[in-house]
């Protein structure tokens, strides 16, 4: 043990030095203006989401950065906090969400019109994950980012990024099943990240970036499980680590879903946003629908988006969503 002491002291000193360096880098806009600039400094600094225009948001990002650094230094597998050790949270809803309209689609962020359905998932940094869905050419009423599948009621960004709430950064989709199929949204979920990564995507590490998809009925559960089995074989790189759970499993913790702060909503569409995405698409398409879908669900859940859409607009290897236009994809483009 005594022989190992210098190693541990050196590691602690390195960790503190990196944290101090990173935190100071987030106090000035000039020191971190774009992701490309970040890549010229340090691979650990590159793990962070870019700063926001205000000091408070810069501090938020610094805290997130520190959490990712510590997760990386510890191997990145941090695991899940237990419900009894999670932060207590609060009864108040997130401020600024009531009455908020989707920045691109212009619909109310919270409403679920009669006959519409929901899909909730997490696959890494929620900024890019959300954009991939609101760009779908039809049937999307709204998308929102938030904190899902955790134990702390009404968490804040700082709390979720601490890994002390059990939440993962997530996306809630409200869609019209007469115009787009659940299968189309689910396929975008699978293909937009690497579901074999445990507790993170790319440089974003920790339970708050874990892959997960949460079902609201038995049909959704069966579609998720069947497509997972098919996609795992296609990827051919080990077990898919995606968390699959019922939305109702989280009722005892206040619910599956909590909206994130207003400034996170449709972040990548807003002037001055920093282009950042941590997801790791593998460039592998989900197998044809008829090859994996349960027979009794095929008629009801036929995909609305043809293969020509996926060939032209589907995710490619490496995250590229930040480069694309913010408006929904035109149906005449494929």
Protein backbone atom coordinates (compact mmCIF):
# COMPACT_ATOMS: atom_id res chain seq x y z
CA UNK A 1 0.00 0.00 0.00
CA UNK A 2 2.81 2.39 0.88
CA UNK A 3 4.48 1.64 -2.44
CA UNK A 4 1.30 2.59 -4.26
CA UNK A 5 0.83 5.86 -2.36
CA UNK A 6 2.82 8.04 -4.80
CA UNK A 7 0.71 6.72 -7.68
CA UNK A 8 -2.56 7.59 -5.97
CA UNK A 9 -1.29 11.00 -4.91
CA UNK A 10 -0.12 11.72 -8.44
CA UNK A 11 -3.50 10.63 -9.84
CA UNK A 12 -5.35 12.85 -7.40
CA UNK A 13 -3.12 15.78 -8.25
CA UNK A 14 -3.67 15.17 -11.96
CA UNK A 15 -7.44 15.01 -11.42
CA UNK A 16 -7.49 18.26 -9.45
CA UNK A 17 -5.27 19.95 -11.99
CA UNK A 18 -7.47 18.91 -14.87
CA UNK A 19 -10.61 20.04 -13.05
CA UNK A 20 -9.14 23.42 -12.22
CA UNK A 21 -7.89 23.88 -15.76
CA UNK A 22 -11.25 22.89 -17.22
CA UNK A 23 -13.29 25.02 -14.83
CA UNK A 24 -11.23 28.10 -15.59
CA UNK A 25 -11.60 27.45 -19.30
CA UNK A 26 -15.37 27.74 -18.92
CA UNK A 27 -15.26 31.16 -17.30
CA UNK A 28 -14.38 32.93 -20.53
CA UNK A 29 -16.19 32.79 -23.84
CA UNK A 30 -12.98 33.40 -25.71
CA UNK A 31 -11.38 30.28 -24.28
CA UNK A 32 -14.03 27.88 -25.65
CA UNK A 33 -16.01 29.26 -28.56
CA UNK A 34 -16.53 26.20 -30.72
CA UNK A 35 -16.20 22.44 -30.49
CA UNK A 36 -13.47 22.50 -33.14
CA UNK A 37 -11.51 24.90 -30.99
CA UNK A 38 -11.97 22.59 -28.02
CA UNK A 39 -10.48 19.72 -29.95
CA UNK A 40 -7.22 21.61 -30.31
CA UNK A 41 -6.79 21.91 -26.56
CA UNK A 42 -7.36 18.61 -24.75
CA UNK A 43 -9.32 15.41 -25.35
CA UNK A 44 -10.73 15.76 -21.84
CA UNK A 45 -11.87 19.31 -22.43
CA UNK A 46 -13.39 18.12 -25.70
CA UNK A 47 -15.66 15.85 -23.68
CA UNK A 48 -17.75 18.79 -22.50
CA UNK A 49 -20.74 20.43 -24.05
CA UNK A 50 -19.84 23.97 -25.13
CA UNK A 51 -20.54 26.91 -22.89
CA UNK A 52 -23.76 28.92 -22.81
CA UNK A 53 -23.77 32.71 -23.27
CA UNK A 54 -24.22 33.50 -19.57
CA UNK A 55 -21.94 32.95 -16.60
CA UNK A 56 -24.54 30.77 -14.86
CA UNK A 57 -24.84 28.47 -17.86
CA UNK A 58 -21.05 28.36 -18.21
CA UNK A 59 -20.85 27.24 -14.60
CA UNK A 60 -23.49 24.58 -15.31
CA UNK A 61 -21.39 23.24 -18.16
CA UNK A 62 -18.25 23.33 -16.02
CA UNK A 63 -19.94 21.15 -13.41
CA UNK A 64 -21.04 18.72 -16.10
CA UNK A 65 -17.50 18.68 -17.47
CA UNK A 66 -16.05 17.87 -14.07
CA UNK A 67 -18.49 14.99 -13.70
CA UNK A 68 -17.49 13.55 -17.08
CA UNK A 69 -13.78 13.86 -16.21
CA UNK A 70 -14.23 12.00 -12.95
CA UNK A 71 -16.27 9.31 -14.70
CA UNK A 72 -13.55 8.91 -17.33
CA UNK A 73 -10.81 8.69 -14.71
CA UNK A 74 -12.75 6.03 -12.83
CA UNK A 75 -13.36 3.94 -15.96
CA UNK A 76 -16.65 5.49 -17.02
CA UNK A 77 -18.87 2.76 -15.64
CA UNK A 78 -20.06 4.64 -12.54
CA UNK A 79 -23.27 2.60 -12.36
CA UNK A 80 -26.63 3.74 -11.02
CA UNK A 81 -27.32 5.43 -7.74
CA UNK A 82 -29.88 3.63 -5.59
CA UNK A 83 -33.26 5.32 -5.01
CA UNK A 84 -32.62 5.69 -1.28
CA UNK A 85 -29.39 7.64 -1.93
CA UNK A 86 -30.76 9.91 -4.69
CA UNK A 87 -31.13 13.65 -4.17
CA UNK A 88 -34.47 14.67 -2.60
CA UNK A 89 -35.60 17.02 -5.37
CA UNK A 90 -38.59 19.30 -4.96
CA UNK A 91 -42.36 19.43 -5.59
CA UNK A 92 -42.20 22.49 -7.90
CA UNK A 93 -42.25 21.97 -11.66
CA UNK A 94 -39.50 23.33 -13.87
CA UNK A 95 -39.95 27.07 -14.35
CA UNK A 96 -40.42 28.49 -17.83
CA UNK A 97 -42.09 25.46 -19.41
CA UNK A 98 -45.78 26.37 -19.02
CA UNK A 99 -46.93 27.98 -22.27
CA UNK A 100 -43.59 27.38 -24.00
CA UNK A 101 -43.83 26.73 -27.74
CA UNK A 102 -41.54 24.45 -29.72
CA UNK A 103 -38.89 26.69 -31.27
CA UNK A 104 -39.17 25.02 -34.70
CA UNK A 105 -42.58 23.34 -34.86
CA UNK A 106 -44.39 26.11 -32.89
CA UNK A 107 -46.68 23.74 -30.98
CA UNK A 108 -47.15 23.79 -27.21
CA UNK A 109 -44.35 21.77 -25.63
CA UNK A 110 -46.50 20.02 -23.04
CA UNK A 111 -49.76 19.23 -24.83
CA UNK A 112 -50.66 15.78 -26.12
CA UNK A 113 -53.61 16.16 -28.52
CA UNK A 114 -56.35 13.54 -28.46
CA UNK A 115 -55.32 10.49 -30.47
CA UNK A 116 -51.62 11.37 -30.34
CA UNK A 117 -49.04 9.17 -28.61
CA UNK A 118 -45.70 9.53 -26.84
CA UNK A 119 -42.25 8.02 -27.17
CA UNK A 120 -39.54 8.65 -24.57
CA UNK A 121 -35.91 7.65 -24.94
CA UNK A 122 -32.35 8.65 -24.13
CA UNK A 123 -29.28 8.06 -26.29
CA UNK A 124 -26.57 10.46 -25.18
CA UNK A 125 -26.53 14.26 -25.18
CA UNK A 126 -30.14 15.30 -25.61
CA UNK A 127 -29.44 18.27 -27.89
CA UNK A 128 -28.66 16.20 -30.98
CA UNK A 129 -31.06 13.41 -30.06
CA UNK A 130 -33.96 15.84 -30.07
CA UNK A 131 -33.00 17.45 -33.37
CA UNK A 132 -32.93 14.08 -35.16
CA UNK A 133 -36.61 13.60 -34.31
CA UNK A 134 -38.06 17.08 -34.93
CA UNK A 135 -36.54 16.93 -38.44
CA UNK A 136 -38.61 13.88 -39.40
CA UNK A 137 -40.77 14.88 -42.37
CA UNK A 138 -44.24 14.29 -40.93
CA UNK A 139 -46.28 13.36 -37.90
CA UNK A 140 -44.17 15.01 -35.18
CA UNK A 141 -46.26 17.38 -33.04
CA UNK A 142 -43.46 18.28 -30.63
CA UNK A 143 -40.17 17.17 -29.16
CA UNK A 144 -38.74 18.17 -25.80
CA UNK A 145 -35.64 17.41 -23.79
CA UNK A 146 -35.68 16.45 -20.16
CA UNK A 147 -34.61 14.07 -17.45
CA UNK A 148 -36.13 10.60 -17.47
CA UNK A 149 -36.09 7.26 -15.67
CA UNK A 150 -34.69 8.53 -12.39
CA UNK A 151 -35.60 8.85 -8.74
CA UNK A 152 -35.45 12.58 -7.89
CA UNK A 153 -38.61 14.62 -8.47
CA UNK A 154 -38.19 17.73 -10.64
CA UNK A 155 -34.39 17.60 -10.97
CA UNK A 156 -32.29 20.46 -12.32
CA UNK A 157 -29.58 20.17 -14.95
CA UNK A 158 -26.84 20.41 -12.34
CA UNK A 159 -28.45 17.67 -10.28
CA UNK A 160 -28.98 15.33 -13.22
CA UNK A 161 -25.38 15.86 -14.35
CA UNK A 162 -24.12 14.86 -10.91
CA UNK A 163 -25.39 11.29 -11.48
CA UNK A 164 -27.11 11.65 -8.09
CA UNK A 165 -30.70 11.60 -9.40
CA UNK A 166 -30.67 8.43 -11.52
CA UNK A 167 -32.00 10.26 -14.59
CA UNK A 168 -30.71 10.03 -18.11
CA UNK A 169 -30.86 12.94 -20.56
CA UNK A 170 -33.92 12.13 -22.62
CA UNK A 171 -36.25 13.16 -25.42
CA UNK A 172 -40.05 13.12 -25.31
CA UNK A 173 -41.80 12.85 -28.67
CA UNK A 174 -45.48 13.62 -29.17
CA UNK A 175 -46.55 12.23 -32.54
CA UNK A 176 -49.58 11.46 -34.68
CA UNK A 177 -49.68 7.67 -35.25
CA UNK A 178 -51.84 8.22 -38.33
CA UNK A 179 -48.94 10.04 -40.02
CA UNK A 180 -45.83 8.38 -38.64
CA UNK A 181 -45.27 5.00 -37.01
CA UNK A 182 -43.74 4.34 -33.62
CA UNK A 183 -41.37 2.09 -35.55
CA UNK A 184 -39.99 5.08 -37.51
CA UNK A 185 -39.15 6.96 -34.30
CA UNK A 186 -37.73 3.84 -32.68
CA UNK A 187 -35.55 3.16 -35.70
CA UNK A 188 -34.10 6.67 -35.50
CA UNK A 189 -33.40 6.03 -31.82
CA UNK A 190 -31.44 2.83 -32.52
CA UNK A 191 -29.49 4.13 -35.50
CA UNK A 192 -28.59 7.50 -33.92
CA UNK A 193 -26.23 6.08 -31.28
CA UNK A 194 -24.16 3.10 -30.20
CA UNK A 195 -26.42 1.12 -27.85
CA UNK A 196 -23.60 -1.26 -26.90
CA UNK A 197 -21.85 1.50 -24.92
CA UNK A 198 -22.45 1.23 -21.18
CA UNK A 199 -23.36 4.32 -19.15
CA UNK A 200 -22.53 6.92 -21.76
CA UNK A 201 -22.02 7.94 -25.38
CA UNK A 202 -18.63 8.96 -26.71
CA UNK A 203 -16.89 11.27 -24.25
CA UNK A 204 -20.07 11.85 -22.23
CA UNK A 205 -19.84 9.33 -19.41
CA UNK A 206 -22.13 8.51 -16.52
CA UNK A 207 -25.63 7.20 -15.89
CA UNK A 208 -27.07 10.53 -17.10
CA UNK A 209 -26.01 9.61 -20.66
CA UNK A 210 -27.10 5.97 -20.67
CA UNK A 211 -29.11 4.48 -23.50
CA UNK A 212 -32.72 3.82 -22.61
CA UNK A 213 -36.16 3.57 -24.17
CA UNK A 214 -39.36 3.45 -22.14
CA UNK A 215 -42.66 1.94 -23.23
CA UNK A 216 -46.23 3.10 -22.56
CA UNK A 217 -48.02 -0.07 -23.67
CA UNK A 218 -47.42 -3.72 -24.43
CA UNK A 219 -47.14 -3.13 -28.20
CA UNK A 220 -44.27 -0.70 -27.71
CA UNK A 221 -42.53 -3.17 -25.40
CA UNK A 222 -42.73 -5.98 -27.95
CA UNK A 223 -41.54 -3.74 -30.79
CA UNK A 224 -38.57 -2.52 -28.74
CA UNK A 225 -37.52 -6.00 -27.68
CA UNK A 226 -37.89 -7.50 -31.16
CA UNK A 227 -35.98 -4.69 -32.85
CA UNK A 228 -33.27 -4.81 -30.16
CA UNK A 229 -32.63 -8.48 -30.85
CA UNK A 230 -32.39 -7.79 -34.58
CA UNK A 231 -30.12 -4.75 -34.20
CA UNK A 232 -27.81 -6.53 -31.77
CA UNK A 233 -27.13 -9.21 -34.41
CA UNK A 234 -26.55 -6.58 -37.10
CA UNK A 235 -24.12 -4.55 -35.02
CA UNK A 236 -22.16 -7.69 -34.22
CA UNK A 237 -20.18 -6.04 -31.43
CA UNK A 238 -21.61 -7.52 -28.27
CA UNK A 239 -24.64 -7.01 -26.10
CA UNK A 240 -26.88 -3.97 -26.45
CA UNK A 241 -26.87 -2.24 -23.05
CA UNK A 242 -30.02 -0.16 -23.58
CA UNK A 243 -32.32 0.10 -20.58
CA UNK A 244 -35.85 -1.03 -21.48
CA UNK A 245 -38.52 -0.32 -18.88
CA UNK A 246 -42.19 0.57 -18.50
CA UNK A 247 -43.02 4.23 -17.98
CA UNK A 248 -45.21 3.14 -15.08
CA UNK A 249 -42.16 1.72 -13.25
CA UNK A 250 -41.27 5.30 -12.31
CA UNK A 251 -44.65 6.40 -10.99
CA UNK A 252 -43.46 5.76 -7.43
CA UNK A 253 -40.69 8.32 -8.00
CA UNK A 254 -43.02 11.01 -9.32
CA UNK A 255 -43.08 9.89 -12.95
CA UNK A 256 -40.88 8.88 -15.86
CA UNK A 257 -40.38 12.36 -17.30
CA UNK A 258 -39.38 15.85 -16.16
CA UNK A 259 -38.83 18.74 -18.58
CA UNK A 260 -35.36 20.26 -18.72
CA UNK A 261 -34.75 24.00 -18.44
CA UNK A 262 -36.20 26.18 -21.20
CA UNK A 263 -32.78 27.09 -22.58
CA UNK A 264 -32.11 23.40 -23.36
CA UNK A 265 -35.30 23.03 -25.42
CA UNK A 266 -34.48 22.79 -29.15
CA UNK A 267 -31.07 24.18 -28.23
CA UNK A 268 -29.37 23.42 -31.55
CA UNK A 269 -31.94 25.46 -33.48
CA UNK A 270 -31.31 28.68 -31.57
CA UNK A 271 -29.03 31.55 -32.61
CA UNK A 272 -25.66 31.36 -30.88
CA UNK A 273 -25.92 27.67 -30.01
CA UNK A 274 -22.71 25.66 -30.05
CA UNK A 275 -22.73 22.63 -32.38
CA UNK A 276 -22.16 19.63 -30.13
CA UNK A 277 -23.19 15.99 -30.26
CA UNK A 278 -21.78 13.05 -28.31
CA UNK A 279 -23.79 10.22 -29.86
CA UNK A 280 -21.94 7.52 -31.75
CA UNK A 281 -24.06 6.28 -34.70
CA UNK A 282 -22.57 3.12 -36.17
CA UNK A 283 -23.77 3.56 -39.74
CA UNK A 284 -25.71 0.29 -39.50
CA UNK A 285 -29.35 0.19 -40.62
CA UNK A 286 -32.01 -1.68 -38.70
CA UNK A 287 -33.03 -4.89 -40.49
CA UNK A 288 -36.15 -4.78 -42.70
CA UNK A 289 -39.32 -4.38 -40.66
CA UNK A 290 -40.92 -7.63 -41.85
CA UNK A 291 -37.91 -9.66 -40.72
CA UNK A 292 -38.19 -8.82 -37.02
CA UNK A 293 -41.66 -7.39 -36.26
CA UNK A 294 -44.09 -9.76 -34.49
CA UNK A 295 -46.60 -10.99 -37.02
CA UNK A 296 -49.68 -9.64 -35.23
CA UNK A 297 -48.23 -6.11 -35.09
CA UNK A 298 -47.15 -5.75 -38.70
CA UNK A 299 -50.31 -4.21 -40.10
CA UNK A 300 -50.76 -1.63 -37.32
CA UNK A 301 -47.13 -0.50 -37.16
CA UNK A 302 -46.05 -0.48 -40.79
CA UNK A 303 -43.32 2.16 -41.21
CA UNK A 304 -44.47 5.44 -42.73
CA UNK A 305 -40.98 6.40 -43.92
CA UNK A 306 -39.73 4.47 -46.96
CA UNK A 307 -36.22 3.08 -47.37
CA UNK A 308 -35.47 5.96 -49.75
CA UNK A 309 -35.78 8.30 -46.76
CA UNK A 310 -33.28 6.30 -44.71
CA UNK A 311 -30.82 5.99 -47.57
CA UNK A 312 -30.72 9.74 -48.01
CA UNK A 313 -31.39 11.09 -44.50
CA UNK A 314 -30.63 8.26 -42.10
CA UNK A 315 -27.78 8.54 -39.56
CA UNK A 316 -24.27 7.83 -40.80
CA UNK A 317 -21.29 6.69 -38.76
CA UNK A 318 -20.20 9.46 -36.41
CA UNK A 319 -22.47 12.26 -35.22
CA UNK A 320 -23.41 14.65 -38.03
CA UNK A 321 -26.83 15.93 -36.96
CA UNK A 322 -25.38 19.31 -35.95
CA UNK A 323 -24.58 20.09 -39.60
CA UNK A 324 -28.12 19.74 -40.89
CA UNK A 325 -30.86 22.32 -41.33
CA UNK A 326 -33.26 22.87 -38.46
CA UNK A 327 -36.46 22.64 -40.47
CA UNK A 328 -38.20 19.27 -40.96
CA UNK A 329 -37.00 17.29 -43.95
CA UNK A 330 -39.12 17.80 -47.04
CA UNK A 331 -41.12 14.80 -48.25
CA UNK A 332 -40.08 15.76 -51.77
CA UNK A 333 -36.40 15.24 -50.96
CA UNK A 334 -36.36 11.43 -51.04
